Amino acid sequence: MGLTISSALSSATLAAANSVATSPAARAPQPAQQASPQPTGNSGDTVRLSESQQVYQLYNQGQQVSQIATALSLPVELVNNYLGISSASG
C-alpha cells in the first residue's frame, strides 16, 4: 500500500489551515461523532480460501464431514477426499 503526498497546496491554503487549527474554537473539545463504517472497496483486506482450504478450516473447527458438505454444498465424498479420508467399501 502506498501513500501519496501532494504538494499542490498553495501557501495561502496552508496559512488558512494553520489559522483555523490555532483558533480557540479549534482547540475546544468537540462532541464525539459516530462514524458509520464505510466499505473501502479494497479487496486486499479479503482472503479467499479454496474449497479444500475451507474444508480443512471447518474440520479443524470441529465440524463433522456431513456438516461441512452441507455448509459448502459439496458431496460428502468430495469432503472426504479433501480430508484424505477413504470410505470403507467392502
N, C-alpha and C. Protein backbone atom coordinates (compact mmCIF):
# COMPACT_ATOMS: atom_id res chain seq x y z
N MET A 1 0.86 -1.16 0.00
CA MET A 1 0.00 0.00 0.00
C MET A 1 0.90 1.22 0.00
N GLY A 2 0.65 2.17 -0.86
CA GLY A 2 1.45 3.36 -0.95
C GLY A 2 0.72 4.57 -0.43
N LEU A 3 1.47 5.55 -0.06
CA LEU A 3 0.91 6.80 0.42
C LEU A 3 1.35 7.89 -0.53
N THR A 4 0.40 8.64 -1.04
CA THR A 4 0.72 9.71 -1.97
C THR A 4 0.60 11.04 -1.25
N ILE A 5 1.63 11.83 -1.37
CA ILE A 5 1.63 13.16 -0.77
C ILE A 5 1.64 14.16 -1.91
N SER A 6 0.69 15.06 -1.88
CA SER A 6 0.59 16.04 -2.94
C SER A 6 1.13 17.38 -2.47
N SER A 7 1.88 18.03 -3.31
CA SER A 7 2.40 19.35 -2.97
C SER A 7 1.61 20.43 -3.70
N ALA A 8 0.38 20.13 -4.05
CA ALA A 8 -0.44 21.04 -4.82
C ALA A 8 -1.07 22.12 -3.95
N LEU A 9 -0.89 22.07 -2.63
CA LEU A 9 -1.48 23.08 -1.76
C LEU A 9 -0.69 24.38 -1.87
N SER A 10 -1.40 25.45 -1.97
CA SER A 10 -0.74 26.75 -2.06
C SER A 10 -0.40 27.24 -0.66
N SER A 11 0.46 28.21 -0.57
CA SER A 11 0.83 28.76 0.74
C SER A 11 -0.37 29.43 1.39
N ALA A 12 -1.29 29.99 0.60
CA ALA A 12 -2.50 30.60 1.16
C ALA A 12 -3.39 29.54 1.80
N THR A 13 -3.49 28.38 1.17
CA THR A 13 -4.29 27.29 1.73
C THR A 13 -3.68 26.80 3.02
N LEU A 14 -2.35 26.66 3.05
CA LEU A 14 -1.67 26.22 4.27
C LEU A 14 -1.82 27.25 5.38
N ALA A 15 -1.73 28.53 5.06
CA ALA A 15 -1.89 29.59 6.06
C ALA A 15 -3.29 29.57 6.64
N ALA A 16 -4.30 29.36 5.78
CA ALA A 16 -5.68 29.30 6.26
C ALA A 16 -5.89 28.09 7.15
N ALA A 17 -5.30 26.98 6.80
CA ALA A 17 -5.43 25.78 7.62
C ALA A 17 -4.75 25.97 8.97
N ASN A 18 -3.60 26.63 9.00
CA ASN A 18 -2.90 26.88 10.25
C ASN A 18 -3.66 27.84 11.14
N SER A 19 -4.30 28.85 10.56
CA SER A 19 -5.04 29.81 11.38
C SER A 19 -6.28 29.17 11.99
N VAL A 20 -6.91 28.25 11.28
CA VAL A 20 -8.07 27.55 11.82
C VAL A 20 -7.63 26.62 12.94
N ALA A 21 -6.50 25.95 12.77
CA ALA A 21 -6.03 25.00 13.76
C ALA A 21 -5.60 25.68 15.05
N THR A 22 -5.19 26.95 14.98
CA THR A 22 -4.73 27.64 16.19
C THR A 22 -5.80 28.51 16.82
N SER A 23 -6.98 28.57 16.23
CA SER A 23 -8.05 29.38 16.80
C SER A 23 -8.61 28.71 18.05
N PRO A 24 -9.15 29.49 19.02
CA PRO A 24 -9.71 28.90 20.23
C PRO A 24 -10.83 27.90 19.94
N ALA A 25 -11.62 28.13 18.92
CA ALA A 25 -12.71 27.22 18.60
C ALA A 25 -12.17 25.87 18.15
N ALA A 26 -11.02 25.86 17.49
CA ALA A 26 -10.44 24.61 17.02
C ALA A 26 -9.91 23.78 18.17
N ARG A 27 -9.51 24.45 19.27
CA ARG A 27 -8.97 23.72 20.42
C ARG A 27 -10.06 23.22 21.35
N ALA A 28 -11.28 23.74 21.23
CA ALA A 28 -12.38 23.33 22.11
C ALA A 28 -12.74 21.88 21.84
N PRO A 29 -13.09 21.14 22.91
CA PRO A 29 -13.49 19.74 22.69
C PRO A 29 -14.74 19.65 21.83
N GLN A 30 -14.72 18.74 20.94
CA GLN A 30 -15.83 18.53 20.02
C GLN A 30 -16.63 17.32 20.49
N PRO A 31 -17.95 17.34 20.32
CA PRO A 31 -18.73 16.16 20.69
C PRO A 31 -18.33 14.97 19.81
N ALA A 32 -18.36 13.81 20.41
CA ALA A 32 -17.97 12.60 19.68
C ALA A 32 -18.98 12.33 18.57
N GLN A 33 -18.46 12.04 17.41
CA GLN A 33 -19.32 11.70 16.28
C GLN A 33 -19.15 10.22 16.00
N GLN A 34 -20.27 9.57 15.75
CA GLN A 34 -20.20 8.16 15.40
C GLN A 34 -19.99 8.05 13.90
N ALA A 35 -18.91 7.41 13.56
CA ALA A 35 -18.61 7.22 12.14
C ALA A 35 -19.21 5.90 11.69
N SER A 36 -19.99 5.96 10.64
CA SER A 36 -20.55 4.72 10.12
C SER A 36 -19.48 4.04 9.29
N PRO A 37 -19.36 2.73 9.41
CA PRO A 37 -18.34 2.03 8.64
C PRO A 37 -18.60 2.17 7.15
N GLN A 38 -17.58 2.54 6.44
CA GLN A 38 -17.69 2.71 5.00
C GLN A 38 -16.97 1.56 4.32
N PRO A 39 -17.58 0.94 3.35
CA PRO A 39 -16.86 -0.08 2.61
C PRO A 39 -15.70 0.55 1.87
N THR A 40 -14.54 -0.04 1.99
CA THR A 40 -13.35 0.55 1.39
C THR A 40 -13.20 0.20 -0.07
N GLY A 41 -13.81 -0.89 -0.48
CA GLY A 41 -13.65 -1.30 -1.87
C GLY A 41 -12.27 -1.88 -2.11
N ASN A 42 -11.50 -2.09 -1.04
CA ASN A 42 -10.17 -2.61 -1.16
C ASN A 42 -10.21 -4.12 -0.99
N SER A 43 -10.03 -4.85 -2.05
CA SER A 43 -10.09 -6.30 -1.97
C SER A 43 -8.85 -6.87 -1.30
N GLY A 44 -7.88 -6.04 -0.97
CA GLY A 44 -6.68 -6.51 -0.29
C GLY A 44 -6.96 -6.93 1.14
N ASP A 45 -8.12 -6.56 1.67
CA ASP A 45 -8.48 -6.93 3.04
C ASP A 45 -9.19 -8.28 3.09
N THR A 46 -9.46 -8.88 1.97
CA THR A 46 -10.22 -10.11 1.91
C THR A 46 -9.33 -11.25 1.45
N VAL A 47 -9.42 -12.36 2.17
CA VAL A 47 -8.68 -13.56 1.78
C VAL A 47 -9.69 -14.58 1.30
N ARG A 48 -9.48 -15.08 0.13
CA ARG A 48 -10.38 -16.10 -0.42
C ARG A 48 -9.69 -17.46 -0.29
N LEU A 49 -10.42 -18.39 0.32
CA LEU A 49 -9.90 -19.74 0.50
C LEU A 49 -10.45 -20.66 -0.57
N SER A 50 -9.62 -21.59 -0.99
CA SER A 50 -10.10 -22.59 -1.94
C SER A 50 -11.07 -23.52 -1.22
N GLU A 51 -11.78 -24.34 -1.99
CA GLU A 51 -12.72 -25.28 -1.39
C GLU A 51 -12.01 -26.18 -0.38
N SER A 52 -10.86 -26.71 -0.79
CA SER A 52 -10.16 -27.64 0.10
C SER A 52 -9.71 -26.93 1.38
N GLN A 53 -9.28 -25.69 1.28
CA GLN A 53 -8.87 -24.93 2.47
C GLN A 53 -10.06 -24.66 3.38
N GLN A 54 -11.23 -24.39 2.78
CA GLN A 54 -12.43 -24.18 3.58
C GLN A 54 -12.80 -25.47 4.31
N VAL A 55 -12.67 -26.60 3.63
CA VAL A 55 -12.98 -27.89 4.25
C VAL A 55 -12.05 -28.12 5.43
N TYR A 56 -10.75 -27.92 5.24
CA TYR A 56 -9.79 -28.10 6.33
C TYR A 56 -10.11 -27.19 7.51
N GLN A 57 -10.42 -25.94 7.21
CA GLN A 57 -10.70 -24.98 8.28
C GLN A 57 -11.92 -25.41 9.09
N LEU A 58 -12.99 -25.79 8.42
CA LEU A 58 -14.20 -26.20 9.13
C LEU A 58 -13.96 -27.50 9.91
N TYR A 59 -13.20 -28.42 9.33
CA TYR A 59 -12.90 -29.68 10.01
C TYR A 59 -12.07 -29.42 11.28
N ASN A 60 -11.09 -28.52 11.16
CA ASN A 60 -10.25 -28.17 12.31
C ASN A 60 -11.04 -27.43 13.39
N GLN A 61 -12.16 -26.83 13.01
CA GLN A 61 -13.02 -26.16 13.99
C GLN A 61 -13.98 -27.13 14.65
N GLY A 62 -13.91 -28.40 14.26
CA GLY A 62 -14.70 -29.42 14.93
C GLY A 62 -15.98 -29.82 14.23
N GLN A 63 -16.21 -29.34 13.01
CA GLN A 63 -17.42 -29.73 12.30
C GLN A 63 -17.26 -31.13 11.72
N GLN A 64 -18.38 -31.83 11.64
CA GLN A 64 -18.39 -33.17 11.06
C GLN A 64 -18.42 -33.07 9.54
N VAL A 65 -18.01 -34.14 8.90
CA VAL A 65 -17.94 -34.18 7.43
C VAL A 65 -19.29 -33.84 6.81
N SER A 66 -20.36 -34.39 7.35
CA SER A 66 -21.68 -34.12 6.78
C SER A 66 -22.06 -32.65 6.94
N GLN A 67 -21.68 -32.04 8.06
CA GLN A 67 -21.96 -30.61 8.26
C GLN A 67 -21.18 -29.75 7.28
N ILE A 68 -19.93 -30.12 7.05
CA ILE A 68 -19.09 -29.37 6.11
C ILE A 68 -19.66 -29.50 4.70
N ALA A 69 -20.06 -30.70 4.33
CA ALA A 69 -20.63 -30.92 2.99
C ALA A 69 -21.87 -30.07 2.79
N THR A 70 -22.72 -30.02 3.81
CA THR A 70 -23.94 -29.22 3.71
C THR A 70 -23.61 -27.72 3.65
N ALA A 71 -22.71 -27.27 4.51
CA ALA A 71 -22.37 -25.84 4.57
C ALA A 71 -21.77 -25.33 3.26
N LEU A 72 -20.97 -26.17 2.62
CA LEU A 72 -20.29 -25.75 1.39
C LEU A 72 -20.96 -26.26 0.12
N SER A 73 -22.09 -26.93 0.27
CA SER A 73 -22.84 -27.50 -0.86
C SER A 73 -21.95 -28.42 -1.70
N LEU A 74 -21.26 -29.33 -1.00
CA LEU A 74 -20.38 -30.28 -1.66
C LEU A 74 -20.85 -31.70 -1.34
N PRO A 75 -20.55 -32.65 -2.21
CA PRO A 75 -20.85 -34.05 -1.88
C PRO A 75 -19.93 -34.52 -0.74
N VAL A 76 -20.44 -35.40 0.09
CA VAL A 76 -19.68 -35.92 1.23
C VAL A 76 -18.40 -36.60 0.73
N GLU A 77 -18.48 -37.28 -0.40
CA GLU A 77 -17.31 -37.96 -0.96
C GLU A 77 -16.18 -36.98 -1.26
N LEU A 78 -16.53 -35.80 -1.76
CA LEU A 78 -15.51 -34.80 -2.08
C LEU A 78 -14.88 -34.24 -0.80
N VAL A 79 -15.70 -34.03 0.22
CA VAL A 79 -15.16 -33.56 1.50
C VAL A 79 -14.20 -34.60 2.06
N ASN A 80 -14.61 -35.87 2.02
CA ASN A 80 -13.72 -36.94 2.47
C ASN A 80 -12.42 -36.96 1.67
N ASN A 81 -12.53 -36.74 0.38
CA ASN A 81 -11.35 -36.72 -0.49
C ASN A 81 -10.40 -35.58 -0.08
N TYR A 82 -10.93 -34.40 0.15
CA TYR A 82 -10.12 -33.27 0.58
C TYR A 82 -9.40 -33.57 1.90
N LEU A 83 -10.08 -34.29 2.79
CA LEU A 83 -9.51 -34.59 4.10
C LEU A 83 -8.64 -35.86 4.09
N GLY A 84 -8.60 -36.54 2.96
CA GLY A 84 -7.81 -37.75 2.87
C GLY A 84 -8.44 -38.92 3.58
N ILE A 85 -9.75 -38.87 3.72
CA ILE A 85 -10.49 -39.95 4.37
C ILE A 85 -11.01 -40.88 3.29
N SER A 86 -10.59 -42.11 3.36
CA SER A 86 -11.08 -43.07 2.36
C SER A 86 -12.30 -43.78 2.92
N SER A 87 -13.31 -43.89 2.09
CA SER A 87 -14.53 -44.57 2.55
C SER A 87 -14.30 -46.07 2.52
N ALA A 88 -14.80 -46.74 3.53
CA ALA A 88 -14.63 -48.19 3.62
C ALA A 88 -15.63 -48.85 2.68
N SER A 89 -15.12 -49.46 1.66
CA SER A 89 -16.01 -50.19 0.75
C SER A 89 -15.67 -51.67 0.86
N GLY A 90 -16.68 -52.47 0.97
CA GLY A 90 -16.40 -53.86 1.21
C GLY A 90 -17.05 -54.80 0.33
